[in-house]
Amino acid sequence: MIAAVEPEIGDVYAVVEEVWSTFLGTDEPILPEVAPVDRPQEWTAMTTVGGAWEGAVLVAVTDRLARDVAAAMLALDPADLAPEDVSDALGELVNVIGGNVKSLMPGPSTLSLPLVASGSVPASHQRREVCRLDLSWRRQSLCVSVCVPTGASPEPGPTPDSSTSTSTSEETR
């Protein structure tokens, strides 16, 4: 079994918060969910990292949130968005989040092109979720998670910062 370094939940939260505010502004910040909810599955975007560290970063959102994100990123009215606009915006968002997570991990590694699906991305039973952020933006739920291959065992390290309102999970994806 391979030992895997897992990203710290506080570091992933800082990445998501910074990327979100850079792309979508600070007027409406992304916030931790008080009580985790079921993972939104109307739109899912994923990018993978391969090399010295292997993993996947997923962003799951509702259709309304996906359209709001695309409208804000593209400076368009949500009614004027095509599905391709929504897909492109979510792909860019997960790509930047994934690239920043990759930079936190041992390298060298490469980032895949993003995969975006209306619904959920094809499930892989060969990875397990090691970090999950249940968040909200504009009072809408979203989930950002980091997964590693199931054959990797975590290296011992510090425990997540308990002051951050996020959750971790060991469930298989």
C-alpha atoms as a PDB file:
ATOM      1  CA  MET A   1       0.000   0.000   0.000  1.00  0.00           C
ATOM      2  CA  ILE A   2       1.305   3.477  -0.922  1.00  0.00           C
ATOM      3  CA  ALA A   3       1.468   6.235   1.684  1.00  0.00           C
ATOM      4  CA  ALA A   4      -0.320   9.371   0.555  1.00  0.00           C
ATOM      5  CA  VAL A   5       0.010  12.897   1.781  1.00  0.00           C
ATOM      6  CA  GLU A   6      -3.399  14.424   2.289  1.00  0.00           C
ATOM      7  CA  PRO A   7      -4.086  18.136   2.047  1.00  0.00           C
ATOM      8  CA  GLU A   8      -4.968  19.910   5.275  1.00  0.00           C
ATOM      9  CA  ILE A   9      -8.625  20.907   5.394  1.00  0.00           C
ATOM     10  CA  GLY A  10      -7.747  24.442   6.512  1.00  0.00           C
ATOM     11  CA  ASP A  11      -5.405  24.843   3.522  1.00  0.00           C
ATOM     12  CA  VAL A  12      -8.068  23.629   1.093  1.00  0.00           C
ATOM     13  CA  TYR A  13     -10.601  26.007   2.653  1.00  0.00           C
ATOM     14  CA  ALA A  14      -8.149  28.916   2.242  1.00  0.00           C
ATOM     15  CA  VAL A  15      -7.616  27.988  -1.430  1.00  0.00           C
ATOM     16  CA  VAL A  16     -11.350  27.781  -2.134  1.00  0.00           C
ATOM     17  CA  GLU A  17     -12.047  31.032  -0.301  1.00  0.00           C
ATOM     18  CA  GLU A  18      -9.315  32.887  -2.206  1.00  0.00           C
ATOM     19  CA  VAL A  19     -10.267  31.486  -5.616  1.00  0.00           C
ATOM     20  CA  TRP A  20     -13.940  32.180  -4.964  1.00  0.00           C
ATOM     21  CA  SER A  21     -13.334  35.798  -3.956  1.00  0.00           C
ATOM     22  CA  THR A  22     -10.947  36.352  -6.888  1.00  0.00           C
ATOM     23  CA  PHE A  23     -13.431  35.053  -9.465  1.00  0.00           C
ATOM     24  CA  LEU A  24     -16.706  36.110  -7.845  1.00  0.00           C
ATOM     25  CA  GLY A  25     -15.823  39.078  -5.666  1.00  0.00           C
ATOM     26  CA  THR A  26     -15.960  39.701  -1.958  1.00  0.00           C
ATOM     27  CA  ASP A  27     -19.448  41.269  -1.769  1.00  0.00           C
ATOM     28  CA  GLU A  28     -20.960  37.841  -1.190  1.00  0.00           C
ATOM     29  CA  PRO A  29     -18.313  35.642   0.437  1.00  0.00           C
ATOM     30  CA  ILE A  30     -18.323  31.879   0.416  1.00  0.00           C
ATOM     31  CA  LEU A  31     -19.222  30.596   3.886  1.00  0.00           C
ATOM     32  CA  PRO A  32     -18.968  27.292   5.739  1.00  0.00           C
ATOM     33  CA  GLU A  33     -22.307  25.468   6.040  1.00  0.00           C
ATOM     34  CA  VAL A  34     -23.469  25.289   9.631  1.00  0.00           C
ATOM     35  CA  ALA A  35     -24.891  21.799   9.111  1.00  0.00           C
ATOM     36  CA  PRO A  36     -23.582  19.719   6.196  1.00  0.00           C
ATOM     37  CA  VAL A  37     -26.235  18.884   3.635  1.00  0.00           C
ATOM     38  CA  ASP A  38     -26.487  16.251   0.957  1.00  0.00           C
ATOM     39  CA  ARG A  39     -23.963  16.856  -1.799  1.00  0.00           C
ATOM     40  CA  PRO A  40     -25.568  18.873  -4.601  1.00  0.00           C
ATOM     41  CA  GLN A  41     -25.448  16.814  -7.800  1.00  0.00           C
ATOM     42  CA  GLU A  42     -27.012  19.011 -10.468  1.00  0.00           C
ATOM     43  CA  TRP A  43     -23.563  20.078 -11.751  1.00  0.00           C
ATOM     44  CA  THR A  44     -20.227  18.488 -10.907  1.00  0.00           C
ATOM     45  CA  ALA A  45     -16.771  19.567 -12.037  1.00  0.00           C
ATOM     46  CA  MET A  46     -13.609  17.553 -11.440  1.00  0.00           C
ATOM     47  CA  THR A  47      -9.923  17.775 -12.203  1.00  0.00           C
ATOM     48  CA  THR A  48      -7.273  15.215 -11.362  1.00  0.00           C
ATOM     49  CA  VAL A  49      -3.649  15.532 -10.343  1.00  0.00           C
ATOM     50  CA  GLY A  50      -1.081  12.934 -11.366  1.00  0.00           C
ATOM     51  CA  GLY A  51       2.591  12.600 -10.531  1.00  0.00           C
ATOM     52  CA  ALA A  52       4.336  12.705  -7.161  1.00  0.00           C
ATOM     53  CA  TRP A  53       0.911  13.296  -5.606  1.00  0.00           C
ATOM     54  CA  GLU A  54      -2.245  11.790  -7.036  1.00  0.00           C
ATOM     55  CA  GLY A  55      -5.734  12.958  -6.312  1.00  0.00           C
ATOM     56  CA  ALA A  56      -8.900  14.567  -7.600  1.00  0.00           C
ATOM     57  CA  VAL A  57     -10.660  17.821  -6.752  1.00  0.00           C
ATOM     58  CA  LEU A  58     -14.440  17.955  -7.188  1.00  0.00           C
ATOM     59  CA  VAL A  59     -16.898  20.822  -6.983  1.00  0.00           C
ATOM     60  CA  ALA A  60     -20.602  19.916  -6.789  1.00  0.00           C
ATOM     61  CA  VAL A  61     -23.293  22.598  -7.041  1.00  0.00           C
ATOM     62  CA  THR A  62     -26.978  23.075  -7.725  1.00  0.00           C
ATOM     63  CA  ASP A  63     -28.158  24.271 -11.117  1.00  0.00           C
ATOM     64  CA  ARG A  64     -29.089  27.686  -9.712  1.00  0.00           C
ATOM     65  CA  LEU A  65     -25.662  28.106  -8.108  1.00  0.00           C
ATOM     66  CA  ALA A  66     -23.907  26.962 -11.303  1.00  0.00           C
ATOM     67  CA  ARG A  67     -25.827  29.570 -13.290  1.00  0.00           C
ATOM     68  CA  ASP A  68     -25.094  32.275 -10.699  1.00  0.00           C
ATOM     69  CA  VAL A  69     -21.375  31.424 -10.793  1.00  0.00           C
ATOM     70  CA  ALA A  70     -21.307  31.509 -14.600  1.00  0.00           C
ATOM     71  CA  ALA A  71     -23.267  34.771 -14.735  1.00  0.00           C
ATOM     72  CA  ALA A  72     -20.898  36.418 -12.247  1.00  0.00           C
ATOM     73  CA  MET A  73     -17.753  35.136 -13.966  1.00  0.00           C
ATOM     74  CA  LEU A  74     -18.927  36.051 -17.456  1.00  0.00           C
ATOM     75  CA  ALA A  75     -20.765  39.261 -16.494  1.00  0.00           C
ATOM     76  CA  LEU A  76     -23.966  37.999 -18.114  1.00  0.00           C
ATOM     77  CA  ASP A  77     -27.576  37.764 -17.061  1.00  0.00           C
ATOM     78  CA  PRO A  78     -28.353  34.183 -15.910  1.00  0.00           C
ATOM     79  CA  ALA A  79     -31.192  34.044 -18.448  1.00  0.00           C
ATOM     80  CA  ASP A  80     -28.687  34.633 -21.281  1.00  0.00           C
ATOM     81  CA  LEU A  81     -26.431  31.712 -20.381  1.00  0.00           C
ATOM     82  CA  ALA A  82     -26.075  28.664 -22.580  1.00  0.00           C
ATOM     83  CA  PRO A  83     -25.219  25.305 -20.949  1.00  0.00           C
ATOM     84  CA  GLU A  84     -21.726  25.645 -22.454  1.00  0.00           C
ATOM     85  CA  ASP A  85     -21.236  28.906 -20.546  1.00  0.00           C
ATOM     86  CA  VAL A  86     -22.106  27.172 -17.277  1.00  0.00           C
ATOM     87  CA  SER A  87     -19.821  24.249 -18.095  1.00  0.00           C
ATOM     88  CA  ASP A  88     -16.933  26.536 -19.048  1.00  0.00           C
ATOM     89  CA  ALA A  89     -17.263  28.623 -15.869  1.00  0.00           C
ATOM     90  CA  LEU A  90     -17.386  25.577 -13.581  1.00  0.00           C
ATOM     91  CA  GLY A  91     -14.476  24.005 -15.456  1.00  0.00           C
ATOM     92  CA  GLU A  92     -12.380  27.120 -14.954  1.00  0.00           C
ATOM     93  CA  LEU A  93     -13.320  27.309 -11.271  1.00  0.00           C
ATOM     94  CA  VAL A  94     -12.383  23.668 -10.523  1.00  0.00           C
ATOM     95  CA  ASN A  95      -9.238  24.003 -12.645  1.00  0.00           C
ATOM     96  CA  VAL A  96      -7.957  26.933 -10.578  1.00  0.00           C
ATOM     97  CA  ILE A  97      -8.938  25.305  -7.270  1.00  0.00           C
ATOM     98  CA  GLY A  98      -7.301  22.046  -8.395  1.00  0.00           C
ATOM     99  CA  GLY A  99      -4.136  23.837  -9.494  1.00  0.00           C
ATOM    100  CA  ASN A 100      -3.848  25.540  -6.130  1.00  0.00           C
ATOM    101  CA  VAL A 101      -4.415  22.264  -4.260  1.00  0.00           C
ATOM    102  CA  LYS A 102      -1.755  20.668  -6.491  1.00  0.00           C
ATOM    103  CA  SER A 103       0.691  23.399  -5.477  1.00  0.00           C
ATOM    104  CA  LEU A 104       0.203  22.449  -1.808  1.00  0.00           C
ATOM    105  CA  MET A 105       1.186  18.836  -2.428  1.00  0.00           C
ATOM    106  CA  PRO A 106       4.535  17.158  -3.234  1.00  0.00           C
ATOM    107  CA  GLY A 107       5.575  17.564  -6.861  1.00  0.00           C
ATOM    108  CA  PRO A 108       6.201  17.396  -9.653  1.00  0.00           C
ATOM    109  CA  SER A 109       2.633  16.712 -10.713  1.00  0.00           C
ATOM    110  CA  THR A 110       0.359  17.603 -13.606  1.00  0.00           C
ATOM    111  CA  LEU A 111      -3.238  18.778 -13.650  1.00  0.00           C
ATOM    112  CA  SER A 112      -5.776  17.232 -16.021  1.00  0.00           C
ATOM    113  CA  LEU A 113      -8.256  19.152 -18.074  1.00  0.00           C
ATOM    114  CA  PRO A 114     -11.472  19.618 -16.096  1.00  0.00           C
ATOM    115  CA  LEU A 115     -14.404  17.270 -16.556  1.00  0.00           C
ATOM    116  CA  VAL A 116     -17.774  18.969 -16.078  1.00  0.00           C
ATOM    117  CA  ALA A 117     -21.116  17.183 -16.055  1.00  0.00           C
ATOM    118  CA  SER A 118     -24.697  18.238 -15.727  1.00  0.00           C
ATOM    119  CA  GLY A 119     -25.346  15.770 -12.945  1.00  0.00           C
ATOM    120  CA  SER A 120     -22.497  13.893 -11.362  1.00  0.00           C
ATOM    121  CA  VAL A 121     -19.208  12.998 -12.981  1.00  0.00           C
ATOM    122  CA  PRO A 122     -18.773   9.292 -13.612  1.00  0.00           C
ATOM    123  CA  ALA A 123     -18.134   7.631 -10.264  1.00  0.00           C
ATOM    124  CA  SER A 124     -14.813   6.004  -9.614  1.00  0.00           C
ATOM    125  CA  HIS A 125     -14.685   3.425  -6.905  1.00  0.00           C
ATOM    126  CA  GLN A 126     -10.913   3.716  -6.970  1.00  0.00           C
ATOM    127  CA  ARG A 127     -10.710   6.851  -4.844  1.00  0.00           C
ATOM    128  CA  ARG A 128     -11.739   7.891  -1.367  1.00  0.00           C
ATOM    129  CA  GLU A 129     -12.689  11.307  -0.107  1.00  0.00           C
ATOM    130  CA  VAL A 130     -10.119  12.708   2.345  1.00  0.00           C
ATOM    131  CA  CYS A 131     -11.274  16.310   2.591  1.00  0.00           C
ATOM    132  CA  ARG A 132     -14.761  17.740   2.213  1.00  0.00           C
ATOM    133  CA  LEU A 133     -15.901  21.335   2.505  1.00  0.00           C
ATOM    134  CA  ASP A 134     -19.636  21.923   2.833  1.00  0.00           C
ATOM    135  CA  LEU A 135     -20.085  25.564   1.901  1.00  0.00           C
ATOM    136  CA  SER A 136     -22.688  28.091   0.850  1.00  0.00           C
ATOM    137  CA  TRP A 137     -22.736  31.075  -1.460  1.00  0.00           C
ATOM    138  CA  ARG A 138     -25.769  33.297  -1.847  1.00  0.00           C
ATOM    139  CA  ARG A 139     -27.531  30.931   0.570  1.00  0.00           C
ATOM    140  CA  GLN A 140     -27.027  27.996  -1.787  1.00  0.00           C
ATOM    141  CA  SER A 141     -25.134  24.847  -0.875  1.00  0.00           C
ATOM    142  CA  LEU A 142     -22.048  23.566  -2.607  1.00  0.00           C
ATOM    143  CA  CYS A 143     -19.443  20.955  -1.854  1.00  0.00           C
ATOM    144  CA  VAL A 144     -15.729  20.897  -2.609  1.00  0.00           C
ATOM    145  CA  SER A 145     -13.926  17.633  -1.985  1.00  0.00           C
ATOM    146  CA  VAL A 146     -10.469  16.156  -2.449  1.00  0.00           C
ATOM    147  CA  CYS A 147     -10.062  12.454  -3.100  1.00  0.00           C
ATOM    148  CA  VAL A 148      -7.036  10.157  -3.293  1.00  0.00           C
ATOM    149  CA  PRO A 149      -6.640   6.684  -4.792  1.00  0.00           C
ATOM    150  CA  THR A 150      -8.046   3.950  -2.538  1.00  0.00           C
ATOM    151  CA  GLY A 151      -4.698   2.129  -2.520  1.00  0.00           C
ATOM    152  CA  ALA A 152      -3.078   5.032  -0.676  1.00  0.00           C
ATOM    153  CA  SER A 153      -2.958   5.167   3.093  1.00  0.00           C
ATOM    154  CA  PRO A 154      -2.749   8.494   4.875  1.00  0.00           C
ATOM    155  CA  GLU A 155       0.530   9.625   6.385  1.00  0.00           C
ATOM    156  CA  PRO A 156       0.240  10.668   9.991  1.00  0.00           C
ATOM    157  CA  GLY A 157      -0.016  14.397  10.385  1.00  0.00           C
ATOM    158  CA  PRO A 158      -1.722  17.164  12.280  1.00  0.00           C
ATOM    159  CA  THR A 159      -5.456  16.952  12.722  1.00  0.00           C
ATOM    160  CA  PRO A 160      -7.704  19.404  10.878  1.00  0.00           C
ATOM    161  CA  ASP A 161      -8.296  22.778  12.520  1.00  0.00           C
ATOM    162  CA  SER A 162     -11.472  22.282  14.509  1.00  0.00           C
ATOM    163  CA  SER A 163     -12.351  25.974  14.318  1.00  0.00           C
ATOM    164  CA  THR A 164     -13.153  25.661  10.598  1.00  0.00           C
ATOM    165  CA  SER A 165     -16.764  24.626   9.993  1.00  0.00           C
ATOM    166  CA  THR A 166     -16.028  21.933   7.461  1.00  0.00           C
ATOM    167  CA  SER A 167     -16.185  18.184   7.472  1.00  0.00           C
ATOM    168  CA  THR A 168     -14.035  15.297   6.379  1.00  0.00           C
ATOM    169  CA  SER A 169     -15.183  11.920   5.224  1.00  0.00           C
ATOM    170  CA  GLU A 170     -13.702   8.537   4.475  1.00  0.00           C
ATOM    171  CA  GLU A 171     -16.483   7.474   2.125  1.00  0.00           C
ATOM    172  CA  THR A 172     -15.574   5.881  -1.188  1.00  0.00           C
ATOM    173  CA  ARG A 173     -16.399   7.754  -4.367  1.00  0.00           C
END
